[in-house]
C-alpha atoms as a PDB file:
ATOM      1  CA  UNK A   1     -74.741 -20.134  14.755  1.00  0.00           C
ATOM      2  CA  UNK A   2     -73.906 -23.031  16.662  1.00  0.00           C
ATOM      3  CA  UNK A   3     -70.003 -24.308  16.833  1.00  0.00           C
ATOM      4  CA  UNK A   4     -68.510 -27.681  17.701  1.00  0.00           C
ATOM      5  CA  UNK A   5     -68.345 -27.031  21.103  1.00  0.00           C
ATOM      6  CA  UNK A   6     -72.208 -26.449  21.282  1.00  0.00           C
ATOM      7  CA  UNK A   7     -72.557 -29.707  19.581  1.00  0.00           C
ATOM      8  CA  UNK A   8     -70.335 -31.310  22.298  1.00  0.00           C
ATOM      9  CA  UNK A   9     -72.069 -29.843  25.107  1.00  0.00           C
ATOM     10  CA  UNK A  10     -75.684 -30.387  23.712  1.00  0.00           C
ATOM     11  CA  UNK A  11     -74.835 -33.996  22.544  1.00  0.00           C
ATOM     12  CA  UNK A  12     -73.232 -34.964  26.006  1.00  0.00           C
ATOM     13  CA  UNK A  13     -76.113 -33.520  27.649  1.00  0.00           C
ATOM     14  CA  UNK A  14     -78.273 -36.366  26.175  1.00  0.00           C
ATOM     15  CA  UNK A  15     -78.601 -39.241  28.696  1.00  0.00           C
ATOM     16  CA  UNK A  16     -75.910 -41.976  28.619  1.00  0.00           C
ATOM     17  CA  UNK A  17     -74.122 -40.180  25.902  1.00  0.00           C
ATOM     18  CA  UNK A  18     -70.394 -40.454  25.463  1.00  0.00           C
ATOM     19  CA  UNK A  19     -67.674 -38.986  23.276  1.00  0.00           C
ATOM     20  CA  UNK A  20     -64.917 -40.964  21.684  1.00  0.00           C
ATOM     21  CA  UNK A  21     -62.576 -40.383  19.059  1.00  0.00           C
ATOM     22  CA  UNK A  22     -63.095 -42.561  15.928  1.00  0.00           C
ATOM     23  CA  UNK A  23     -61.649 -41.859  12.388  1.00  0.00           C
ATOM     24  CA  UNK A  24     -59.628 -39.146  14.155  1.00  0.00           C
ATOM     25  CA  UNK A  25     -62.866 -36.911  14.755  1.00  0.00           C
ATOM     26  CA  UNK A  26     -65.061 -36.758  17.777  1.00  0.00           C
ATOM     27  CA  UNK A  27     -68.061 -39.192  17.605  1.00  0.00           C
ATOM     28  CA  UNK A  28     -70.991 -39.498  20.091  1.00  0.00           C
ATOM     29  CA  UNK A  29     -72.690 -42.448  21.097  1.00  0.00           C
ATOM     30  CA  UNK A  30     -75.979 -43.283  23.386  1.00  0.00           C
ATOM     31  CA  UNK A  31     -75.204 -46.790  25.145  1.00  0.00           C
ATOM     32  CA  UNK A  32     -72.370 -47.249  22.982  1.00  0.00           C
ATOM     33  CA  UNK A  33     -74.070 -46.462  19.745  1.00  0.00           C
ATOM     34  CA  UNK A  34     -72.696 -43.709  17.604  1.00  0.00           C
ATOM     35  CA  UNK A  35     -75.599 -40.946  16.862  1.00  0.00           C
ATOM     36  CA  UNK A  36     -73.407 -38.181  16.124  1.00  0.00           C
ATOM     37  CA  UNK A  37     -70.125 -37.206  14.620  1.00  0.00           C
ATOM     38  CA  UNK A  38     -68.088 -33.924  13.770  1.00  0.00           C
ATOM     39  CA  UNK A  39     -66.492 -34.374  10.407  1.00  0.00           C
ATOM     40  CA  UNK A  40     -65.481 -31.801   7.857  1.00  0.00           C
ATOM     41  CA  UNK A  41     -63.002 -30.086  10.393  1.00  0.00           C
ATOM     42  CA  UNK A  42     -65.736 -30.134  12.935  1.00  0.00           C
ATOM     43  CA  UNK A  43     -67.927 -27.752  10.689  1.00  0.00           C
ATOM     44  CA  UNK A  44     -70.675 -30.036  10.188  1.00  0.00           C
ATOM     45  CA  UNK A  45     -72.378 -33.083  11.991  1.00  0.00           C
ATOM     46  CA  UNK A  46     -73.434 -36.360  10.842  1.00  0.00           C
ATOM     47  CA  UNK A  47     -76.577 -37.399  12.542  1.00  0.00           C
ATOM     48  CA  UNK A  48     -78.998 -40.655  11.903  1.00  0.00           C
ATOM     49  CA  UNK A  49     -81.756 -39.911   9.932  1.00  0.00           C
ATOM     50  CA  UNK A  50     -84.416 -42.223   8.482  1.00  0.00           C
ATOM     51  CA  UNK A  51     -83.401 -42.321   4.494  1.00  0.00           C
ATOM     52  CA  UNK A  52     -86.970 -40.869   3.168  1.00  0.00           C
ATOM     53  CA  UNK A  53     -86.939 -38.232   5.587  1.00  0.00           C
ATOM     54  CA  UNK A  54     -83.106 -37.535   4.938  1.00  0.00           C
ATOM     55  CA  UNK A  55     -83.967 -37.261   1.319  1.00  0.00           C
ATOM     56  CA  UNK A  56     -86.997 -34.842   2.010  1.00  0.00           C
ATOM     57  CA  UNK A  57     -84.333 -32.545   4.279  1.00  0.00           C
ATOM     58  CA  UNK A  58     -81.853 -32.532   1.320  1.00  0.00           C
ATOM     59  CA  UNK A  59     -84.648 -31.221  -1.074  1.00  0.00           C
ATOM     60  CA  UNK A  60     -86.070 -28.679   1.382  1.00  0.00           C
ATOM     61  CA  UNK A  61     -82.807 -27.437   2.431  1.00  0.00           C
ATOM     62  CA  UNK A  62     -79.781 -28.241   0.115  1.00  0.00           C
ATOM     63  CA  UNK A  63     -77.724 -25.696   1.822  1.00  0.00           C
ATOM     64  CA  UNK A  64     -78.023 -26.895   5.235  1.00  0.00           C
ATOM     65  CA  UNK A  65     -78.147 -30.984   4.613  1.00  0.00           C
ATOM     66  CA  UNK A  66     -76.574 -33.243   2.680  1.00  0.00           C
ATOM     67  CA  UNK A  67     -75.379 -36.825   2.358  1.00  0.00           C
ATOM     68  CA  UNK A  68     -71.923 -37.910   1.902  1.00  0.00           C
ATOM     69  CA  UNK A  69     -70.833 -40.249  -0.634  1.00  0.00           C
ATOM     70  CA  UNK A  70     -69.678 -43.067   1.706  1.00  0.00           C
ATOM     71  CA  UNK A  71     -72.753 -42.667   4.028  1.00  0.00           C
ATOM     72  CA  UNK A  72     -75.377 -42.867   1.248  1.00  0.00           C
ATOM     73  CA  UNK A  73     -75.908 -46.500   1.941  1.00  0.00           C
ATOM     74  CA  UNK A  74     -76.404 -45.571   5.763  1.00  0.00           C
ATOM     75  CA  UNK A  75     -79.382 -43.605   7.394  1.00  0.00           C
ATOM     76  CA  UNK A  76     -77.317 -40.749   8.043  1.00  0.00           C
ATOM     77  CA  UNK A  77     -77.527 -37.068   6.838  1.00  0.00           C
ATOM     78  CA  UNK A  78     -74.963 -34.374   7.192  1.00  0.00           C
ATOM     79  CA  UNK A  79     -75.963 -30.741   8.527  1.00  0.00           C
ATOM     80  CA  UNK A  80     -73.452 -27.806   8.382  1.00  0.00           C
ATOM     81  CA  UNK A  81     -73.048 -26.129  11.278  1.00  0.00           C
ATOM     82  CA  UNK A  82     -72.928 -22.538   9.731  1.00  0.00           C
ATOM     83  CA  UNK A  83     -76.507 -23.127   8.311  1.00  0.00           C
ATOM     84  CA  UNK A  84     -78.207 -24.412  11.762  1.00  0.00           C
ATOM     85  CA  UNK A  85     -80.427 -21.565  12.882  1.00  0.00           C
ATOM     86  CA  UNK A  86     -79.569 -21.820  16.653  1.00  0.00           C
ATOM     87  CA  UNK A  87     -79.376 -23.953  19.631  1.00  0.00           C
ATOM     88  CA  UNK A  88     -82.721 -25.167  19.719  1.00  0.00           C
ATOM     89  CA  UNK A  89     -82.440 -26.434  16.238  1.00  0.00           C
ATOM     90  CA  UNK A  90     -79.100 -28.273  16.849  1.00  0.00           C
ATOM     91  CA  UNK A  91     -80.625 -29.570  19.959  1.00  0.00           C
ATOM     92  CA  UNK A  92     -83.655 -30.999  17.903  1.00  0.00           C
ATOM     93  CA  UNK A  93     -81.147 -32.315  15.358  1.00  0.00           C
ATOM     94  CA  UNK A  94     -79.137 -34.194  17.707  1.00  0.00           C
ATOM     95  CA  UNK A  95     -81.819 -35.186  20.116  1.00  0.00           C
ATOM     96  CA  UNK A  96     -83.624 -36.751  17.032  1.00  0.00           C
ATOM     97  CA  UNK A  97     -80.515 -38.641  16.201  1.00  0.00           C
ATOM     98  CA  UNK A  98     -80.064 -39.833  19.842  1.00  0.00           C
ATOM     99  CA  UNK A  99     -83.563 -41.247  19.710  1.00  0.00           C
ATOM    100  CA  UNK A 100     -82.776 -43.492  16.810  1.00  0.00           C
ATOM    101  CA  UNK A 101     -79.778 -45.029  18.366  1.00  0.00           C
ATOM    102  CA  UNK A 102     -80.879 -45.143  22.215  1.00  0.00           C
ATOM    103  CA  UNK A 103     -81.886 -48.333  23.582  1.00  0.00           C
ATOM    104  CA  UNK A 104     -85.732 -48.919  24.401  1.00  0.00           C
ATOM    105  CA  UNK A 105     -84.981 -48.739  28.233  1.00  0.00           C
ATOM    106  CA  UNK A 106     -83.225 -45.078  27.732  1.00  0.00           C
ATOM    107  CA  UNK A 107     -86.317 -43.757  25.507  1.00  0.00           C
ATOM    108  CA  UNK A 108     -88.903 -45.213  28.500  1.00  0.00           C
ATOM    109  CA  UNK A 109     -87.033 -43.692  31.317  1.00  0.00           C
ATOM    110  CA  UNK A 110     -87.057 -40.298  29.119  1.00  0.00           C
ATOM    111  CA  UNK A 111     -90.175 -39.601  27.599  1.00  0.00           C
ATOM    112  CA  UNK A 112     -89.599 -36.070  26.945  1.00  0.00           C
ATOM    113  CA  UNK A 113     -86.854 -36.814  24.574  1.00  0.00           C
ATOM    114  CA  UNK A 114     -88.944 -39.743  22.737  1.00  0.00           C
ATOM    115  CA  UNK A 115     -90.870 -37.589  20.664  1.00  0.00           C
ATOM    116  CA  UNK A 116     -89.843 -34.706  18.098  1.00  0.00           C
ATOM    117  CA  UNK A 117     -91.059 -31.147  19.257  1.00  0.00           C
ATOM    118  CA  UNK A 118     -91.207 -29.876  15.651  1.00  0.00           C
ATOM    119  CA  UNK A 119     -91.286 -26.087  15.047  1.00  0.00           C
END
């Protein structure tokens, strides 16, 4: 199972991503816009996710995804690292969130990150 170090390594491998401590936890930002955090003592990640997709994820895999109360009104979802299958899935989750925060110029510059892989 992936851990916080895998999250950090994969997040920072995405274009124009920086790490910044906020609310006493690591946060990852693309062009200054936050797309992932490591809350819950770094045992989970919080990522951007459209609300309708988020609800489907939580229903489909409640052991993996959940919605934190204080994030419910925002398009964010939590994922338990212990439930994430492997690095590929973690990369998909992070890249998906990165796409939602990245400015158009980056999406155009990295078209391979611009589409969900699925599977």
